[in-house]
């Protein structure tokens, strides 16, 4: 994690040229509700003006992020023109894309994300409108950027329809879900989303965060923000377990899933535990025909941010080797406070080949841009 007030010089590859970067987690933000509403049908503009949007976490009065870091943003990420952090493309170019040589940037719109809106019609309308906004305000103005298809994931049939509408559109690189949903994402109610993803030849990214209507922990609401942050990993462990055990990848063998902003050092231990218990309980779920670790290695990718930093850096290398160098994609989380500077984020030495894959090549392969 780094907080940066000025661009840094990137590490150089063996060729002497500055390394290209693929950033798989950039967060754009509308500057106002009125600005975003321009992309909605008049009916839904009137609805928002009159009733607002009821969230699945109705008890929350605002963001979970602390006041000291509004919206979880870096303190230097607010553009001087008054736009929100992540709300001005020119400022993003000057602060992040250009100095870091970002040649591919994946936009992950998590705030607001329409999936957590209780009204099913409004959730679908917001998804379509925000997808239009991403294209009109971002991807059409910078060829390096690709958007994520936002979907009303608690209404899977409507979500599949939105995926079908965006299929074949080069402005979109993936489908974006959040990790905290009403039910575990592997369950059959969500399968129309994965069927549509395969039909559109788009991967599914599951980003940590979201509000499904239940507390973050299994026993109630936590007391501190740090518990919210640490909970990203445990939520995505549940997501991954659900995908594998429910047989999603057996049903959709072409499906590719990436877990975003949940770390990755926990992956081997979860896989080992799944394998051990599957060997003893496989009769309970005959649709899963292979070791969970085998399914994971074939169908799941991970972003690097936030990267764990063990006391012995060699331990992190061991984890990366176990996951596979082709399964890790670089991400910064710009413009959030736990942003990873590509020049400083690696706590372990890597070869030039490993760096090239981690920072750029793996993303191009994952998004099938080669």
Protein backbone atom coordinates (compact mmCIF):
# COMPACT_ATOMS: atom_id res chain seq x y z
CA UNK A 1 0.00 0.00 0.00
CA UNK A 2 1.31 3.45 -0.90
CA UNK A 3 0.10 7.02 -0.54
CA UNK A 4 1.66 9.16 -3.26
CA UNK A 5 1.70 12.87 -3.88
CA UNK A 6 3.78 12.78 -7.05
CA UNK A 7 4.48 10.22 -9.80
CA UNK A 8 7.39 7.83 -9.30
CA UNK A 9 9.77 6.42 -11.85
CA UNK A 10 8.81 2.88 -12.85
CA UNK A 11 11.22 -0.05 -12.82
CA UNK A 12 12.64 -0.79 -16.23
CA UNK A 13 12.61 -4.07 -18.10
CA UNK A 14 15.79 -5.61 -19.47
CA UNK A 15 15.23 -3.89 -22.82
CA UNK A 16 15.76 -0.51 -21.17
CA UNK A 17 12.27 0.67 -22.09
CA UNK A 18 9.72 1.56 -19.44
CA UNK A 19 7.44 -1.37 -18.63
CA UNK A 20 3.89 -1.33 -19.86
CA UNK A 21 1.31 -1.69 -17.10
CA UNK A 22 -2.13 -3.29 -17.12
CA UNK A 23 -4.07 -1.98 -14.14
CA UNK A 24 -6.98 -4.32 -13.44
CA UNK A 25 -8.68 -2.24 -10.74
CA UNK A 26 -9.36 1.44 -11.43
CA UNK A 27 -12.38 3.07 -9.80
CA UNK A 28 -14.24 5.77 -11.71
CA UNK A 29 -16.94 7.76 -9.89
CA UNK A 30 -19.78 10.00 -11.11
CA UNK A 31 -19.34 13.50 -9.73
CA UNK A 32 -22.98 13.89 -8.79
CA UNK A 33 -26.31 12.10 -8.88
CA UNK A 34 -27.56 14.65 -11.39
CA UNK A 35 -24.61 13.97 -13.67
CA UNK A 36 -25.28 10.23 -13.61
CA UNK A 37 -29.04 10.68 -14.09
CA UNK A 38 -28.52 12.04 -17.58
CA UNK A 39 -28.06 8.43 -18.66
CA UNK A 40 -31.36 7.23 -17.16
CA UNK A 41 -34.83 7.16 -18.65
CA UNK A 42 -37.07 10.04 -17.42
CA UNK A 43 -39.17 7.62 -15.35
CA UNK A 44 -36.20 6.60 -13.26
CA UNK A 45 -34.93 10.17 -12.91
CA UNK A 46 -38.28 11.07 -11.38
CA UNK A 47 -38.13 8.00 -9.15
CA UNK A 48 -34.71 8.96 -7.77
CA UNK A 49 -35.76 12.59 -7.27
CA UNK A 50 -38.90 11.53 -5.40
CA UNK A 51 -37.97 8.36 -3.53
CA UNK A 52 -34.21 7.90 -3.79
CA UNK A 53 -32.68 4.41 -3.86
CA UNK A 54 -33.43 1.88 -1.13
CA UNK A 55 -30.32 -0.18 -0.44
CA UNK A 56 -30.25 -3.76 0.78
CA UNK A 57 -28.38 -2.50 3.85
CA UNK A 58 -31.10 -0.09 4.91
CA UNK A 59 -29.64 0.40 8.39
CA UNK A 60 -26.50 2.09 7.12
CA UNK A 61 -26.50 5.87 6.99
CA UNK A 62 -23.48 6.22 4.76
CA UNK A 63 -20.19 4.72 3.62
CA UNK A 64 -18.33 2.27 5.81
CA UNK A 65 -15.11 4.13 5.07
CA UNK A 66 -13.72 6.46 7.76
CA UNK A 67 -14.12 10.23 7.64
CA UNK A 68 -10.37 10.63 7.44
CA UNK A 69 -10.43 9.04 3.99
CA UNK A 70 -13.79 9.89 2.38
CA UNK A 71 -14.84 7.31 -0.16
CA UNK A 72 -11.65 5.38 0.71
CA UNK A 73 -9.71 7.79 -1.51
CA UNK A 74 -6.14 9.04 -1.43
CA UNK A 75 -5.91 12.55 -0.04
CA UNK A 76 -4.08 13.75 -3.15
CA UNK A 77 -6.55 12.21 -5.61
CA UNK A 78 -9.11 15.04 -5.57
CA UNK A 79 -8.87 17.01 -8.86
CA UNK A 80 -8.37 20.77 -8.46
CA UNK A 81 -11.53 21.47 -10.48
CA UNK A 82 -13.72 20.19 -7.65
CA UNK A 83 -14.49 16.78 -9.17
CA UNK A 84 -14.51 13.70 -6.96
CA UNK A 85 -11.46 11.41 -6.85
CA UNK A 86 -11.91 9.12 -9.83
CA UNK A 87 -14.30 11.62 -11.41
CA UNK A 88 -12.04 13.44 -13.87
CA UNK A 89 -10.36 11.61 -16.76
CA UNK A 90 -7.77 14.32 -17.46
CA UNK A 91 -6.64 14.31 -13.84
CA UNK A 92 -6.49 10.49 -13.83
CA UNK A 93 -4.34 10.61 -16.94
CA UNK A 94 -1.93 13.11 -15.37
CA UNK A 95 -1.69 11.45 -11.95
CA UNK A 96 -1.85 7.77 -12.83
CA UNK A 97 -2.26 6.56 -16.41
CA UNK A 98 0.52 8.54 -18.10
CA UNK A 99 3.29 8.56 -15.45
CA UNK A 100 2.79 4.86 -14.73
CA UNK A 101 2.65 3.91 -18.43
CA UNK A 102 -0.75 2.21 -18.01
CA UNK A 103 -1.49 0.68 -21.40
CA UNK A 104 -4.61 -1.16 -20.26
CA UNK A 105 -6.89 0.05 -17.50
CA UNK A 106 -9.96 -1.89 -16.31
CA UNK A 107 -12.70 0.28 -14.82
CA UNK A 108 -14.43 -1.28 -11.82
CA UNK A 109 -17.41 0.80 -10.77
CA UNK A 110 -18.18 -0.13 -7.15
CA UNK A 111 -19.62 3.11 -5.78
CA UNK A 112 -22.35 3.42 -6.68
CA UNK A 113 -22.92 -0.15 -7.79
CA UNK A 114 -26.55 -0.86 -8.78
CA UNK A 115 -26.49 -4.48 -7.64
CA UNK A 116 -27.23 -3.51 -4.04
CA UNK A 117 -30.38 -1.51 -4.87
CA UNK A 118 -33.51 -3.21 -3.54
CA UNK A 119 -35.94 -2.02 -6.24
CA UNK A 120 -35.42 -4.50 -9.12
CA UNK A 121 -36.48 -2.11 -11.87
CA UNK A 122 -34.27 0.68 -10.56
CA UNK A 123 -31.33 -1.70 -10.16
CA UNK A 124 -31.63 -2.74 -13.82
CA UNK A 125 -32.08 0.86 -15.00
CA UNK A 126 -29.04 2.04 -13.04
CA UNK A 127 -26.96 -0.80 -14.46
CA UNK A 128 -27.82 0.17 -18.03
CA UNK A 129 -27.35 3.88 -17.36
CA UNK A 130 -24.01 3.51 -15.64
CA UNK A 131 -22.77 1.23 -18.40
CA UNK A 132 -23.69 3.95 -20.91
CA UNK A 133 -21.94 6.50 -18.67
CA UNK A 134 -18.72 4.48 -18.62
CA UNK A 135 -18.61 4.42 -22.41
CA UNK A 136 -19.67 8.04 -23.01
CA UNK A 137 -17.45 9.59 -20.33
CA UNK A 138 -14.46 7.23 -20.24
CA UNK A 139 -13.74 4.53 -22.79
CA UNK A 140 -14.62 6.61 -25.85
CA UNK A 141 -12.10 9.23 -24.71
CA UNK A 142 -9.15 6.98 -23.89
CA UNK A 143 -8.44 3.83 -25.86
CA UNK A 144 -6.44 2.38 -22.96
CA UNK A 145 -9.54 2.01 -20.80
CA UNK A 146 -12.06 -0.82 -20.79
CA UNK A 147 -15.27 -0.83 -18.76
CA UNK A 148 -16.88 -3.60 -16.71
CA UNK A 149 -20.49 -4.54 -17.38
CA UNK A 150 -22.52 -3.60 -14.30
CA UNK A 151 -25.51 -5.85 -13.73
CA UNK A 152 -28.46 -6.08 -11.30
CA UNK A 153 -27.02 -9.30 -9.92
CA UNK A 154 -29.85 -9.97 -7.47
CA UNK A 155 -32.14 -10.21 -10.54
CA UNK A 156 -30.14 -12.71 -12.60
CA UNK A 157 -32.53 -12.80 -15.59
CA UNK A 158 -32.30 -9.01 -15.93
CA UNK A 159 -28.55 -9.24 -15.39
CA UNK A 160 -28.24 -11.76 -18.22
CA UNK A 161 -30.22 -9.44 -20.49
CA UNK A 162 -27.82 -6.58 -19.77
CA UNK A 163 -24.84 -8.84 -20.52
CA UNK A 164 -26.42 -9.84 -23.82
CA UNK A 165 -26.86 -6.15 -24.71
CA UNK A 166 -23.15 -5.50 -24.17
CA UNK A 167 -21.86 -8.67 -25.81
CA UNK A 168 -19.43 -7.95 -28.60
CA UNK A 169 -18.89 -4.33 -27.49
CA UNK A 170 -15.13 -3.76 -27.30
CA UNK A 171 -15.65 -1.04 -24.68
CA UNK A 172 -16.30 -3.79 -22.11
CA UNK A 173 -13.72 -6.28 -20.87
CA UNK A 174 -15.59 -8.19 -18.17
CA UNK A 175 -18.73 -8.51 -16.02
CA UNK A 176 -18.51 -7.05 -12.52
CA UNK A 177 -20.11 -8.56 -9.41
CA UNK A 178 -19.49 -7.74 -5.76
CA UNK A 179 -18.59 -10.33 -3.15
CA UNK A 180 -21.32 -9.67 -0.56
CA UNK A 181 -24.55 -10.77 -2.14
CA UNK A 182 -27.90 -11.98 -0.80
CA UNK A 183 -26.79 -15.60 -1.19
CA UNK A 184 -23.46 -17.25 -2.02
CA UNK A 185 -22.63 -16.52 -5.66
CA UNK A 186 -22.27 -20.17 -6.64
CA UNK A 187 -25.92 -20.94 -5.99
CA UNK A 188 -28.19 -21.74 -8.88
CA UNK A 189 -30.22 -18.55 -8.73
CA UNK A 190 -27.13 -16.73 -10.12
CA UNK A 191 -26.41 -19.22 -12.90
CA UNK A 192 -28.18 -17.18 -15.65
CA UNK A 193 -25.40 -14.61 -15.16
CA UNK A 194 -22.68 -17.18 -15.82
CA UNK A 195 -24.54 -18.66 -18.76
CA UNK A 196 -24.72 -15.18 -20.30
CA UNK A 197 -21.05 -14.55 -19.51
CA UNK A 198 -20.03 -17.66 -21.42
CA UNK A 199 -22.37 -16.70 -24.25
CA UNK A 200 -20.73 -13.28 -24.45
CA UNK A 201 -17.20 -14.72 -24.02
CA UNK A 202 -16.61 -12.34 -21.11
CA UNK A 203 -14.94 -13.22 -17.80
CA UNK A 204 -16.63 -12.49 -14.47
CA UNK A 205 -14.81 -10.32 -11.94
CA UNK A 206 -15.92 -10.48 -8.31
CA UNK A 207 -14.76 -7.37 -6.47
CA UNK A 208 -14.58 -7.30 -2.69
CA UNK A 209 -17.30 -5.20 -1.02
CA UNK A 210 -21.00 -4.72 -1.59
CA UNK A 211 -24.10 -4.99 0.56
CA UNK A 212 -26.22 -8.12 0.39
CA UNK A 213 -28.36 -7.35 3.41
CA UNK A 214 -26.41 -9.34 6.03
CA UNK A 215 -23.52 -8.36 8.35
CA UNK A 216 -19.96 -8.78 7.15
CA UNK A 217 -19.21 -11.44 9.76
CA UNK A 218 -21.05 -14.67 10.51
CA UNK A 219 -21.98 -13.43 13.98
CA UNK A 220 -22.99 -9.81 13.56
CA UNK A 221 -21.70 -6.32 12.87
CA UNK A 222 -18.02 -5.51 13.49
CA UNK A 223 -16.92 -2.53 15.57
CA UNK A 224 -14.06 -1.17 13.51
CA UNK A 225 -13.20 -0.24 9.95
CA UNK A 226 -10.16 -2.50 9.99
CA UNK A 227 -12.53 -5.44 10.43
CA UNK A 228 -14.35 -4.30 7.30
CA UNK A 229 -11.06 -4.26 5.39
CA UNK A 230 -9.81 -7.62 6.66
CA UNK A 231 -13.23 -9.07 5.87
CA UNK A 232 -12.65 -8.63 2.13
CA UNK A 233 -10.49 -11.77 2.14
CA UNK A 234 -12.92 -13.92 4.12
CA UNK A 235 -15.85 -12.86 1.94
CA UNK A 236 -13.97 -13.86 -1.20
CA UNK A 237 -12.96 -17.17 0.36
CA UNK A 238 -16.68 -17.87 0.74
CA UNK A 239 -17.29 -16.78 -2.86
CA UNK A 240 -14.58 -19.07 -4.20
CA UNK A 241 -15.77 -22.01 -2.08
CA UNK A 242 -19.32 -21.50 -3.32
CA UNK A 243 -18.30 -21.34 -6.98
CA UNK A 244 -16.34 -24.58 -6.72
CA UNK A 245 -18.54 -26.66 -4.42
CA UNK A 246 -21.81 -25.68 -6.10
CA UNK A 247 -20.42 -27.00 -9.39
CA UNK A 248 -20.50 -23.72 -11.33
CA UNK A 249 -17.39 -24.60 -13.32
CA UNK A 250 -18.65 -28.11 -14.02
CA UNK A 251 -21.82 -26.58 -15.46
CA UNK A 252 -19.99 -23.82 -17.35
CA UNK A 253 -16.54 -25.18 -18.25
CA UNK A 254 -15.68 -22.09 -20.33
CA UNK A 255 -16.31 -19.68 -17.44
CA UNK A 256 -13.37 -17.61 -16.18
CA UNK A 257 -13.53 -15.81 -12.82
CA UNK A 258 -11.21 -13.22 -11.32
CA UNK A 259 -11.26 -12.20 -7.64
CA UNK A 260 -10.39 -8.53 -7.22
CA UNK A 261 -9.05 -6.71 -4.15
CA UNK A 262 -9.14 -9.59 -1.72
CA UNK A 263 -5.45 -10.52 -1.57
CA UNK A 264 -4.21 -13.95 -2.57
CA UNK A 265 -1.93 -15.39 0.14
CA UNK A 266 -4.93 -17.26 1.60
CA UNK A 267 -5.58 -19.20 -1.61
CA UNK A 268 -3.31 -22.24 -1.08
CA UNK A 269 -4.53 -22.95 2.46
CA UNK A 270 -8.17 -22.71 1.39
CA UNK A 271 -7.51 -25.08 -1.52
CA UNK A 272 -5.75 -27.58 0.75
CA UNK A 273 -8.66 -27.55 3.18
CA UNK A 274 -11.19 -27.95 0.37
CA UNK A 275 -9.26 -30.86 -1.11
CA UNK A 276 -8.97 -32.66 2.24
CA UNK A 277 -12.66 -32.35 3.05
CA UNK A 278 -13.83 -33.09 -0.50
CA UNK A 279 -12.01 -36.43 -0.36
CA UNK A 280 -14.09 -37.35 2.69
CA UNK A 281 -17.41 -35.78 1.71
CA UNK A 282 -17.47 -36.14 -2.07
CA UNK A 283 -20.58 -38.34 -1.93
CA UNK A 284 -22.57 -35.33 -0.72
CA UNK A 285 -22.01 -33.46 -3.98
CA UNK A 286 -21.39 -35.80 -6.93
CA UNK A 287 -21.56 -32.93 -9.44
CA UNK A 288 -18.02 -31.92 -8.37
CA UNK A 289 -15.89 -34.55 -10.05
CA UNK A 290 -12.37 -33.20 -9.49
CA UNK A 291 -10.25 -31.93 -6.63
CA UNK A 292 -11.25 -28.35 -5.80
CA UNK A 293 -7.65 -27.23 -6.27
CA UNK A 294 -7.70 -28.56 -9.83
CA UNK A 295 -10.86 -26.60 -10.58
CA UNK A 296 -9.36 -23.47 -9.03
CA UNK A 297 -6.17 -23.68 -11.09
CA UNK A 298 -8.18 -24.00 -14.30
CA UNK A 299 -10.87 -21.35 -13.82
CA UNK A 300 -9.79 -18.67 -11.29
CA UNK A 301 -7.45 -15.67 -11.43
CA UNK A 302 -6.52 -13.08 -8.78
CA UNK A 303 -5.43 -9.45 -8.71
CA UNK A 304 -2.38 -8.50 -6.70
CA UNK A 305 -3.80 -5.63 -4.64
CA UNK A 306 -3.79 -5.68 -1.65
CA UNK A 307 -0.59 -7.69 -1.65
CA UNK A 308 0.30 -9.46 1.58
CA UNK A 309 3.75 -8.68 3.01
CA UNK A 310 5.07 -11.55 5.18
CA UNK A 311 8.18 -11.10 7.31
CA UNK A 312 9.96 -13.62 5.12
CA UNK A 313 9.48 -12.42 1.54
CA UNK A 314 10.30 -15.89 0.25
CA UNK A 315 6.97 -17.05 1.67
CA UNK A 316 5.14 -14.75 -0.72
CA UNK A 317 7.13 -16.15 -3.64
CA UNK A 318 6.07 -19.65 -2.58
CA UNK A 319 2.42 -18.59 -2.66
CA UNK A 320 2.78 -16.98 -6.07
CA UNK A 321 4.45 -20.10 -7.42
CA UNK A 322 1.63 -22.27 -6.06
CA UNK A 323 -1.07 -20.10 -7.60
CA UNK A 324 0.81 -19.83 -10.88
CA UNK A 325 2.49 -16.83 -12.46
CA UNK A 326 -0.09 -16.77 -15.23
CA UNK A 327 -2.95 -16.44 -12.69
CA UNK A 328 -1.92 -13.17 -11.04
CA UNK A 329 -2.89 -9.81 -12.57
CA UNK A 330 -1.56 -6.48 -11.38
CA UNK A 331 -3.90 -3.89 -9.87
CA UNK A 332 -3.42 -0.54 -8.11
CA UNK A 333 -6.91 0.23 -6.70
CA UNK A 334 -6.56 3.85 -7.89
CA UNK A 335 -7.65 6.32 -6.46
CA UNK A 336 -8.14 4.61 -3.10
CA UNK A 337 -5.94 5.07 -0.04
CA UNK A 338 -4.46 1.57 -0.21
CA UNK A 339 -3.27 2.19 -3.78
CA UNK A 340 -0.29 0.10 -4.89
CA UNK A 341 2.39 2.06 -6.71
CA UNK A 342 3.72 -0.23 -9.50
CA UNK A 343 7.24 1.04 -8.86
CA UNK A 344 7.19 0.15 -5.16
CA UNK A 345 4.56 -2.50 -4.46
CA UNK A 346 6.58 -5.70 -4.91
CA UNK A 347 8.13 -6.91 -1.63
CA UNK A 348 9.97 -9.70 -3.48
CA UNK A 349 12.49 -9.69 -6.35
CA UNK A 350 11.15 -11.02 -9.65
CA UNK A 351 12.82 -11.88 -12.93
CA UNK A 352 12.21 -9.72 -15.98
CA UNK A 353 9.98 -12.44 -17.44
CA UNK A 354 7.92 -12.67 -14.25
CA UNK A 355 7.53 -8.88 -14.07
CA UNK A 356 6.43 -8.66 -17.69
CA UNK A 357 3.76 -11.31 -17.10
CA UNK A 358 2.56 -9.92 -13.79
CA UNK A 359 2.36 -6.28 -14.83
CA UNK A 360 1.00 -6.67 -18.36
CA UNK A 361 1.09 -9.99 -20.19
CA UNK A 362 -1.27 -11.94 -17.94
CA UNK A 363 -3.98 -9.28 -18.27
CA UNK A 364 -3.78 -9.24 -22.05
CA UNK A 365 -4.12 -13.01 -22.07
CA UNK A 366 -6.95 -13.06 -19.53
CA UNK A 367 -8.96 -10.45 -21.44
CA UNK A 368 -8.04 -12.12 -24.75
CA UNK A 369 -6.50 -9.04 -26.28
CA UNK A 370 -3.55 -10.81 -27.92
